[in-house]
């Protein structure tokens, strides 16, 4: 059922037209029915002797117990680390539990799960200098092939260096049975790339940030693959599920090529991360990552539409002088215990200072016609909403419990989570945060 020749992407470093050498350390990707049954065969090509299987209580029932049985039948011994939490959070506690649970003699970690399990295993295996395999249980996010791990440390969602899995297994027998909310989340995570690619291009034009057209095209390919199959996936069509998983993995390979999450994470992810932090601080149920990203994508594209509609009027917008102490108090209110890390970042880079704001605004004005062309390449916000609706997925912040206050603070302060230029920074630079937020709240809430 695989339609992609993964050998074109794996372990073949090449000199790109952007001037950099891109490569991906993944050895094998298998996305097909019964793929997990091939795990013993893959292990047989190597000399691993001390395996550690990692899962949670849900993925144990879905897949891990069957995988462990297959390993036993083939004569493999393994140590099991099973998280028992109803909702696993990738925080310090979870990281330490895995670090403490991996036996000293372990030479391979096998994760069985999707987003959180994958992030934890990828990070811990990197820190312990161990190889890592992932058996995916849902096409719910694009991190399967990534080489970074977003974790929540000191209440802040932070991306940490990690390494890619050596083998990615997507068993369609498991994935087609995943909750529809998880399949829809995978679609949501991918359509967010529309915004992140726009943010990335604008960052290149305004900040001189490195940008690779070839990697951007690879991400566009992953978006198209997912968008074309979303409606069939909603009916659990296995070919469509395979196409979505392939699109998600392609997006992860793009991140591996660049060495960070820039090709796959922009303003839509920053907004989602802020919502996530607020849900966790309030000890409220946190919707799936891709669910939040799909919704924030519809929001950010709508804001891009309004920005484009302003035309030359944009340059009449002036923001008040930046007062660090006032901003600091606002951040402390917006982030609570997570504020110190956010404040430290601004002290280090000063991206909100008047000097930086004026520099960016000057360049944006000089390149405005080119920037408008980039923005017009986005799909409409209604197209994104219709795609989410086709999978019975939520498409407004209100539907997942994001309050008006949290939504507003996300527009104002989510940009301060990362040193990355994008839509949210433009709204700050031109003092449009209040105007756009109030307009959105009037229309949606």
Protein backbone atom coordinates (compact mmCIF):
# COMPACT_ATOMS: atom_id res chain seq x y z
CA UNK A 1 0.00 0.00 0.00
CA UNK A 2 3.02 2.31 0.36
CA UNK A 3 3.06 4.88 -2.42
CA UNK A 4 6.30 6.63 -1.50
CA UNK A 5 9.74 5.25 -2.20
CA UNK A 6 11.30 6.18 1.12
CA UNK A 7 14.77 5.28 -0.11
CA UNK A 8 14.75 8.63 -1.91
CA UNK A 9 14.80 10.39 1.45
CA UNK A 10 16.64 8.14 3.89
CA UNK A 11 20.37 8.09 4.62
CA UNK A 12 21.22 9.93 1.42
CA UNK A 13 22.82 13.26 2.32
CA UNK A 14 22.80 15.63 -0.61
CA UNK A 15 23.92 19.15 -1.42
CA UNK A 16 20.72 21.15 -1.79
CA UNK A 17 20.22 24.13 -4.09
CA UNK A 18 19.96 26.22 -0.90
CA UNK A 19 23.66 25.54 -0.32
CA UNK A 20 23.28 23.21 2.67
CA UNK A 21 23.68 19.47 2.94
CA UNK A 22 20.42 17.78 3.93
CA UNK A 23 20.15 14.28 5.29
CA UNK A 24 17.95 12.02 7.37
CA UNK A 25 19.26 9.26 9.65
CA UNK A 26 16.13 7.11 9.53
CA UNK A 27 16.94 3.62 8.25
CA UNK A 28 13.51 2.28 7.40
CA UNK A 29 9.88 3.41 7.15
CA UNK A 30 7.07 0.87 6.78
CA UNK A 31 3.47 2.04 6.46
CA UNK A 32 1.16 -0.84 5.57
CA UNK A 33 -1.24 -3.40 6.97
CA UNK A 34 0.41 -5.75 9.44
CA UNK A 35 3.57 -3.62 9.55
CA UNK A 36 4.17 -4.28 13.25
CA UNK A 37 4.56 -7.99 12.48
CA UNK A 38 7.79 -7.11 10.66
CA UNK A 39 9.45 -5.79 13.82
CA UNK A 40 11.20 -9.10 14.71
CA UNK A 41 12.44 -9.38 11.11
CA UNK A 42 13.89 -5.86 11.27
CA UNK A 43 15.50 -6.57 14.63
CA UNK A 44 17.03 -9.71 13.13
CA UNK A 45 19.20 -7.56 10.85
CA UNK A 46 20.88 -6.00 13.87
CA UNK A 47 22.51 -7.10 17.10
CA UNK A 48 20.11 -5.63 19.64
CA UNK A 49 19.82 -7.86 22.67
CA UNK A 50 18.33 -5.75 25.46
CA UNK A 51 15.10 -4.08 24.36
CA UNK A 52 12.98 -1.61 26.30
CA UNK A 53 9.36 -1.31 25.13
CA UNK A 54 7.62 1.93 26.15
CA UNK A 55 3.87 2.50 26.02
CA UNK A 56 0.99 3.92 28.02
CA UNK A 57 -2.09 2.15 29.37
CA UNK A 58 -4.01 2.89 26.16
CA UNK A 59 -1.37 1.87 23.62
CA UNK A 60 -0.69 -1.27 25.63
CA UNK A 61 -4.21 -2.44 24.90
CA UNK A 62 -4.17 -1.22 21.29
CA UNK A 63 -0.83 -2.58 20.16
CA UNK A 64 1.97 -3.03 22.66
CA UNK A 65 0.71 -6.26 24.22
CA UNK A 66 0.55 -7.91 20.78
CA UNK A 67 4.01 -6.57 19.87
CA UNK A 68 5.48 -7.90 23.11
CA UNK A 69 3.91 -11.29 22.46
CA UNK A 70 5.50 -11.38 18.98
CA UNK A 71 8.88 -10.46 20.47
CA UNK A 72 8.62 -13.25 23.04
CA UNK A 73 7.69 -15.79 20.38
CA UNK A 74 10.78 -14.82 18.39
CA UNK A 75 13.01 -15.28 21.44
CA UNK A 76 13.56 -11.61 22.31
CA UNK A 77 13.63 -10.46 25.90
CA UNK A 78 12.50 -6.97 26.79
CA UNK A 79 11.87 -4.62 29.69
CA UNK A 80 8.50 -2.87 29.73
CA UNK A 81 7.93 0.74 30.79
CA UNK A 82 4.21 1.43 30.86
CA UNK A 83 2.78 4.79 31.87
CA UNK A 84 -0.45 4.37 33.80
CA UNK A 85 -1.73 7.96 33.59
CA UNK A 86 -5.09 8.48 31.91
CA UNK A 87 -3.61 11.48 30.08
CA UNK A 88 0.18 11.40 29.77
CA UNK A 89 1.91 14.80 29.83
CA UNK A 90 5.50 15.11 28.50
CA UNK A 91 6.84 16.93 31.55
CA UNK A 92 9.72 16.48 34.00
CA UNK A 93 7.92 13.68 35.82
CA UNK A 94 7.37 11.65 32.66
CA UNK A 95 10.94 12.23 31.45
CA UNK A 96 12.40 11.07 34.77
CA UNK A 97 10.11 8.05 34.92
CA UNK A 98 11.44 6.89 31.57
CA UNK A 99 15.06 7.72 32.38
CA UNK A 100 14.75 5.73 35.60
CA UNK A 101 12.88 2.90 33.91
CA UNK A 102 15.30 2.16 31.08
CA UNK A 103 17.61 -0.69 32.19
CA UNK A 104 21.35 -0.03 32.22
CA UNK A 105 22.01 -2.77 29.65
CA UNK A 106 19.37 -1.49 27.19
CA UNK A 107 20.56 -1.04 23.61
CA UNK A 108 17.24 -0.16 21.89
CA UNK A 109 14.11 1.70 22.97
CA UNK A 110 10.90 0.78 21.12
CA UNK A 111 8.12 3.30 21.59
CA UNK A 112 4.53 2.21 20.96
CA UNK A 113 2.21 5.18 20.66
CA UNK A 114 1.93 8.53 18.97
CA UNK A 115 2.70 12.10 20.05
CA UNK A 116 3.65 12.07 23.72
CA UNK A 117 5.22 8.60 23.77
CA UNK A 118 7.23 9.49 20.68
CA UNK A 119 8.46 12.80 22.11
CA UNK A 120 9.52 11.20 25.41
CA UNK A 121 11.24 8.19 23.82
CA UNK A 122 13.03 10.26 21.20
CA UNK A 123 14.41 12.66 23.82
CA UNK A 124 15.40 10.05 26.41
CA UNK A 125 16.99 7.74 23.84
CA UNK A 126 19.01 10.72 22.57
CA UNK A 127 20.19 11.59 26.08
CA UNK A 128 21.11 7.96 26.79
CA UNK A 129 22.76 7.58 23.35
CA UNK A 130 20.47 4.66 22.47
CA UNK A 131 18.86 3.75 19.17
CA UNK A 132 15.13 4.20 18.96
CA UNK A 133 12.25 2.66 16.99
CA UNK A 134 8.66 3.94 16.98
CA UNK A 135 5.56 1.87 16.26
CA UNK A 136 2.86 4.45 15.60
CA UNK A 137 -0.67 3.81 16.80
CA UNK A 138 -2.44 6.82 15.25
CA UNK A 139 -1.80 9.26 12.38
CA UNK A 140 -2.27 12.10 14.82
CA UNK A 141 0.83 14.31 14.53
CA UNK A 142 3.89 14.99 12.37
CA UNK A 143 6.61 14.18 14.88
CA UNK A 144 7.27 10.56 13.90
CA UNK A 145 10.26 11.52 11.74
CA UNK A 146 11.25 14.65 13.65
CA UNK A 147 14.61 15.16 15.37
CA UNK A 148 13.32 17.47 18.10
CA UNK A 149 11.07 16.86 21.10
CA UNK A 150 8.61 19.45 22.42
CA UNK A 151 8.39 18.96 26.19
CA UNK A 152 6.78 20.93 29.01
CA UNK A 153 9.57 21.86 31.42
CA UNK A 154 9.04 24.42 34.19
CA UNK A 155 5.52 24.89 32.79
CA UNK A 156 6.90 26.12 29.44
CA UNK A 157 6.49 24.26 26.16
CA UNK A 158 10.07 24.03 24.94
CA UNK A 159 11.57 22.23 21.95
CA UNK A 160 14.65 20.15 22.81
CA UNK A 161 17.27 18.64 20.59
CA UNK A 162 16.81 14.92 20.07
CA UNK A 163 17.40 12.43 17.25
CA UNK A 164 15.25 10.66 14.71
CA UNK A 165 13.94 7.15 15.16
CA UNK A 166 15.97 4.56 13.26
CA UNK A 167 12.78 2.80 12.18
CA UNK A 168 9.21 4.10 11.83
CA UNK A 169 6.44 1.52 11.66
CA UNK A 170 2.91 2.60 10.78
CA UNK A 171 0.64 -0.41 11.07
CA UNK A 172 -2.62 0.45 9.32
CA UNK A 173 -4.47 -2.22 11.27
CA UNK A 174 -3.82 -0.16 14.39
CA UNK A 175 -4.08 3.26 12.80
CA UNK A 176 -7.40 2.71 11.05
CA UNK A 177 -8.92 1.85 14.45
CA UNK A 178 -7.59 4.99 16.15
CA UNK A 179 -10.21 7.36 17.56
CA UNK A 180 -11.48 9.63 14.79
CA UNK A 181 -10.43 12.61 16.89
CA UNK A 182 -6.81 11.45 16.57
CA UNK A 183 -7.05 10.99 12.80
CA UNK A 184 -8.59 14.45 12.50
CA UNK A 185 -5.79 15.79 14.71
CA UNK A 186 -3.24 14.50 12.21
CA UNK A 187 -5.02 16.44 9.49
CA UNK A 188 -5.09 19.51 11.73
CA UNK A 189 -1.37 19.27 12.43
CA UNK A 190 -0.56 19.12 8.72
CA UNK A 191 -2.80 21.95 7.55
CA UNK A 192 -0.99 24.15 10.06
CA UNK A 193 1.95 23.98 7.65
CA UNK A 194 0.13 26.45 5.40
CA UNK A 195 0.78 29.11 8.03
CA UNK A 196 4.24 28.02 9.09
CA UNK A 197 5.52 28.10 5.50
CA UNK A 198 4.14 31.63 5.12
CA UNK A 199 5.74 32.69 8.41
CA UNK A 200 9.03 31.10 7.33
CA UNK A 201 9.09 32.91 3.99
CA UNK A 202 8.33 36.24 5.65
CA UNK A 203 11.02 35.62 8.27
CA UNK A 204 13.46 35.05 5.42
CA UNK A 205 12.43 38.28 3.70
CA UNK A 206 12.30 40.48 6.80
CA UNK A 207 14.85 38.95 9.18
CA UNK A 208 17.18 37.26 6.69
CA UNK A 209 16.40 33.90 8.27
CA UNK A 210 17.60 30.83 6.40
CA UNK A 211 14.95 29.42 4.08
CA UNK A 212 15.09 26.36 1.81
CA UNK A 213 12.65 26.28 -1.14
CA UNK A 214 13.21 22.54 -1.65
CA UNK A 215 12.28 21.69 1.93
CA UNK A 216 9.30 24.04 1.70
CA UNK A 217 8.16 22.15 -1.41
CA UNK A 218 8.50 18.87 0.50
CA UNK A 219 6.22 20.25 3.21
CA UNK A 220 3.72 21.42 0.57
CA UNK A 221 3.75 17.89 -0.82
CA UNK A 222 2.88 16.55 2.63
CA UNK A 223 0.04 19.08 3.00
CA UNK A 224 -1.46 18.12 -0.35
CA UNK A 225 -1.22 14.42 0.41
CA UNK A 226 -3.18 14.88 3.62
CA UNK A 227 -5.74 17.38 2.28
CA UNK A 228 -6.54 15.10 -0.67
CA UNK A 229 -7.32 12.16 1.61
CA UNK A 230 -8.97 13.75 4.65
CA UNK A 231 -12.57 12.99 3.73
CA UNK A 232 -11.85 9.34 2.85
CA UNK A 233 -9.88 8.97 6.08
CA UNK A 234 -12.98 10.07 7.96
CA UNK A 235 -14.51 6.80 6.71
CA UNK A 236 -11.44 4.87 7.95
CA UNK A 237 -10.33 4.03 4.43
CA UNK A 238 -6.93 2.41 4.91
CA UNK A 239 -5.40 3.85 1.76
CA UNK A 240 -6.41 7.32 2.93
CA UNK A 241 -5.04 6.63 6.43
CA UNK A 242 -1.78 5.50 4.81
CA UNK A 243 -1.63 8.70 2.74
CA UNK A 244 -2.13 10.83 5.85
CA UNK A 245 0.56 8.94 7.74
CA UNK A 246 2.92 9.35 4.77
CA UNK A 247 2.22 13.08 4.72
CA UNK A 248 2.93 13.34 8.43
CA UNK A 249 6.21 11.47 8.07
CA UNK A 250 7.25 13.63 5.10
CA UNK A 251 6.71 16.70 7.24
CA UNK A 252 8.93 15.21 9.93
CA UNK A 253 11.65 14.45 7.39
CA UNK A 254 11.54 18.12 6.37
CA UNK A 255 12.28 19.05 9.99
CA UNK A 256 15.15 16.56 10.05
CA UNK A 257 16.60 18.12 6.91
CA UNK A 258 16.63 21.57 8.49
CA UNK A 259 17.59 20.43 11.98
CA UNK A 260 14.72 22.17 13.75
CA UNK A 261 10.93 22.54 13.62
CA UNK A 262 10.88 25.74 11.50
CA UNK A 263 9.41 24.09 8.35
CA UNK A 264 6.52 22.69 10.36
CA UNK A 265 5.81 25.11 13.20
CA UNK A 266 4.83 28.78 13.08
CA UNK A 267 2.37 31.19 14.65
CA UNK A 268 -0.36 28.55 14.58
CA UNK A 269 1.78 26.26 16.76
CA UNK A 270 2.78 29.04 19.15
CA UNK A 271 -0.87 29.86 19.72
CA UNK A 272 -1.63 26.18 20.24
CA UNK A 273 1.27 25.82 22.68
CA UNK A 274 -0.01 28.76 24.72
CA UNK A 275 -3.48 27.25 24.93
CA UNK A 276 -1.95 23.94 25.99
CA UNK A 277 0.05 25.56 28.78
CA UNK A 278 -3.06 27.32 30.06
CA UNK A 279 -5.10 24.11 30.02
CA UNK A 280 -2.40 22.31 32.00
CA UNK A 281 -1.91 25.13 34.51
CA UNK A 282 -5.68 25.15 35.11
CA UNK A 283 -5.61 21.33 35.38
CA UNK A 284 -8.20 21.11 32.63
CA UNK A 285 -8.35 18.38 29.94
CA UNK A 286 -6.03 19.35 27.10
CA UNK A 287 -7.31 18.70 23.56
CA UNK A 288 -5.02 16.87 21.15
CA UNK A 289 -2.12 18.89 19.75
CA UNK A 290 -3.31 18.60 16.14
CA UNK A 291 -6.85 19.56 17.14
CA UNK A 292 -5.57 22.82 18.60
CA UNK A 293 -3.29 23.42 15.61
CA UNK A 294 -6.13 22.93 13.11
CA UNK A 295 -8.23 25.52 14.93
CA UNK A 296 -5.37 27.99 15.33
CA UNK A 297 -4.61 27.58 11.61
CA UNK A 298 -8.12 28.76 10.73
CA UNK A 299 -7.62 31.71 13.09
CA UNK A 300 -4.19 32.74 11.80
CA UNK A 301 -5.20 32.48 8.14
CA UNK A 302 -8.21 34.68 8.88
CA UNK A 303 -5.85 37.21 10.44
CA UNK A 304 -3.58 37.02 7.40
CA UNK A 305 -6.64 37.76 5.25
CA UNK A 306 -7.45 40.83 7.33
CA UNK A 307 -3.81 41.92 7.20
CA UNK A 308 -3.81 41.65 3.42
CA UNK A 309 -7.08 43.58 3.17
CA UNK A 310 -5.56 46.56 5.01
CA UNK A 311 -3.32 47.33 2.05
CA UNK A 312 -1.25 50.51 2.39
CA UNK A 313 -3.35 51.48 5.41
CA UNK A 314 -1.17 49.03 7.33
CA UNK A 315 1.71 51.49 7.40
CA UNK A 316 -0.31 54.15 9.20
CA UNK A 317 -0.43 51.90 12.26
CA UNK A 318 1.90 52.95 15.08
CA UNK A 319 2.38 51.07 18.30
CA UNK A 320 3.15 52.68 21.67
CA UNK A 321 6.72 52.75 22.97
CA UNK A 322 7.90 49.46 24.42
CA UNK A 323 8.17 49.54 28.21
CA UNK A 324 9.95 46.40 29.42
CA UNK A 325 8.62 46.63 32.99
CA UNK A 326 5.00 46.96 31.84
CA UNK A 327 5.50 44.09 29.36
CA UNK A 328 7.11 41.99 32.11
CA UNK A 329 4.09 42.41 34.37
CA UNK A 330 1.79 41.44 31.51
CA UNK A 331 3.86 38.32 30.84
CA UNK A 332 3.80 37.36 34.52
CA UNK A 333 0.01 37.62 34.43
CA UNK A 334 -0.28 35.78 31.12
CA UNK A 335 2.13 32.92 31.91
CA UNK A 336 2.05 32.55 35.69
CA UNK A 337 4.80 30.16 36.85
CA UNK A 338 6.06 29.84 33.27
CA UNK A 339 6.85 33.57 33.00
CA UNK A 340 10.56 33.56 34.01
CA UNK A 341 11.64 31.63 30.92
CA UNK A 342 9.65 33.89 28.62
CA UNK A 343 11.07 37.03 30.24
CA UNK A 344 14.62 35.67 30.01
CA UNK A 345 14.19 35.12 26.26
CA UNK A 346 13.16 38.74 25.65
CA UNK A 347 16.07 39.99 27.76
CA UNK A 348 18.41 37.93 25.62
CA UNK A 349 17.11 38.88 22.16
CA UNK A 350 15.10 42.10 22.58
CA UNK A 351 12.74 41.39 19.69
CA UNK A 352 10.03 43.69 21.07
CA UNK A 353 12.25 46.76 21.39
CA UNK A 354 11.42 49.86 19.37
CA UNK A 355 14.62 49.51 17.39
CA UNK A 356 13.76 46.00 16.23
CA UNK A 357 10.13 46.85 15.56
CA UNK A 358 11.09 49.81 13.35
CA UNK A 359 13.70 47.75 11.51
CA UNK A 360 11.16 45.06 10.65
CA UNK A 361 8.47 47.54 9.67
CA UNK A 362 10.86 49.33 7.31
CA UNK A 363 11.80 46.11 5.55
CA UNK A 364 8.20 44.95 5.39
CA UNK A 365 7.22 48.21 3.70
CA UNK A 366 10.07 47.87 1.19
CA UNK A 367 9.09 44.30 0.31
CA UNK A 368 5.33 44.73 0.69
CA UNK A 369 4.29 43.71 -2.83
CA UNK A 370 6.30 40.50 -2.60
CA UNK A 371 4.91 39.81 0.85
CA UNK A 372 1.34 40.20 -0.42
CA UNK A 373 2.05 37.56 -3.07
CA UNK A 374 3.22 35.14 -0.37
CA UNK A 375 0.10 35.75 1.72
CA UNK A 376 -2.19 35.23 -1.26
CA UNK A 377 -0.78 31.71 -1.72
CA UNK A 378 -2.59 30.68 1.47
CA UNK A 379 -5.91 28.84 1.19
CA UNK A 380 -8.88 30.75 2.55
CA UNK A 381 -9.79 30.38 6.21
CA UNK A 382 -13.16 29.03 5.05
CA UNK A 383 -11.44 26.24 3.10
CA UNK A 384 -9.61 25.21 6.27
CA UNK A 385 -12.82 25.33 8.30
CA UNK A 386 -14.64 23.23 5.68
CA UNK A 387 -11.85 20.64 5.76
CA UNK A 388 -12.09 20.37 9.55
CA UNK A 389 -15.88 20.18 9.38
CA UNK A 390 -15.63 17.32 6.87
CA UNK A 391 -13.99 15.26 9.62
CA UNK A 392 -16.40 16.43 12.33
CA UNK A 393 -13.46 18.20 13.95
CA UNK A 394 -13.82 21.41 15.98
CA UNK A 395 -12.88 24.58 14.12
CA UNK A 396 -13.23 27.41 16.66
CA UNK A 397 -11.35 27.97 19.95
CA UNK A 398 -14.64 28.11 21.83
CA UNK A 399 -15.45 24.51 20.81
CA UNK A 400 -12.46 23.17 22.74
CA UNK A 401 -12.91 25.34 25.82
CA UNK A 402 -10.48 28.18 25.07
CA UNK A 403 -11.92 31.16 26.95
CA UNK A 404 -12.08 34.65 25.50
CA UNK A 405 -9.37 35.74 27.93
CA UNK A 406 -7.03 32.88 27.03
CA UNK A 407 -7.63 33.45 23.33
CA UNK A 408 -6.81 37.14 23.66
CA UNK A 409 -3.68 36.52 25.70
CA UNK A 410 -2.55 33.97 23.12
CA UNK A 411 -2.73 36.59 20.36
CA UNK A 412 -0.79 39.08 22.48
CA UNK A 413 1.80 36.84 24.12
CA UNK A 414 2.17 33.46 22.37
CA UNK A 415 4.79 35.07 20.09
CA UNK A 416 7.05 35.45 23.11
CA UNK A 417 7.42 31.68 23.57
CA UNK A 418 9.97 31.42 20.73
CA UNK A 419 12.50 33.54 18.92
CA UNK A 420 10.61 33.12 15.66
CA UNK A 421 9.16 35.78 13.42
CA UNK A 422 5.69 35.31 12.03
CA UNK A 423 2.15 36.64 11.90
CA UNK A 424 1.81 37.22 15.65
CA UNK A 425 4.93 39.40 15.65
CA UNK A 426 3.58 41.41 12.71
CA UNK A 427 0.37 42.07 14.64
CA UNK A 428 2.50 43.32 17.54
CA UNK A 429 4.73 45.47 15.35
CA UNK A 430 1.75 47.27 13.78
CA UNK A 431 -0.33 47.39 16.98
CA UNK A 432 -3.09 45.24 15.47
CA UNK A 433 -3.46 42.69 18.27
CA UNK A 434 -6.39 44.39 19.99
CA UNK A 435 -8.21 45.28 16.75
CA UNK A 436 -7.97 41.80 15.24
CA UNK A 437 -8.73 40.00 18.50
CA UNK A 438 -11.87 42.01 19.22
CA UNK A 439 -13.06 41.58 15.64
CA UNK A 440 -12.59 37.82 15.87
CA UNK A 441 -14.34 37.58 19.23
CA UNK A 442 -17.33 39.55 17.90
CA UNK A 443 -17.64 37.21 14.93
CA UNK A 444 -17.02 33.86 16.65
CA UNK A 445 -17.83 33.95 20.39
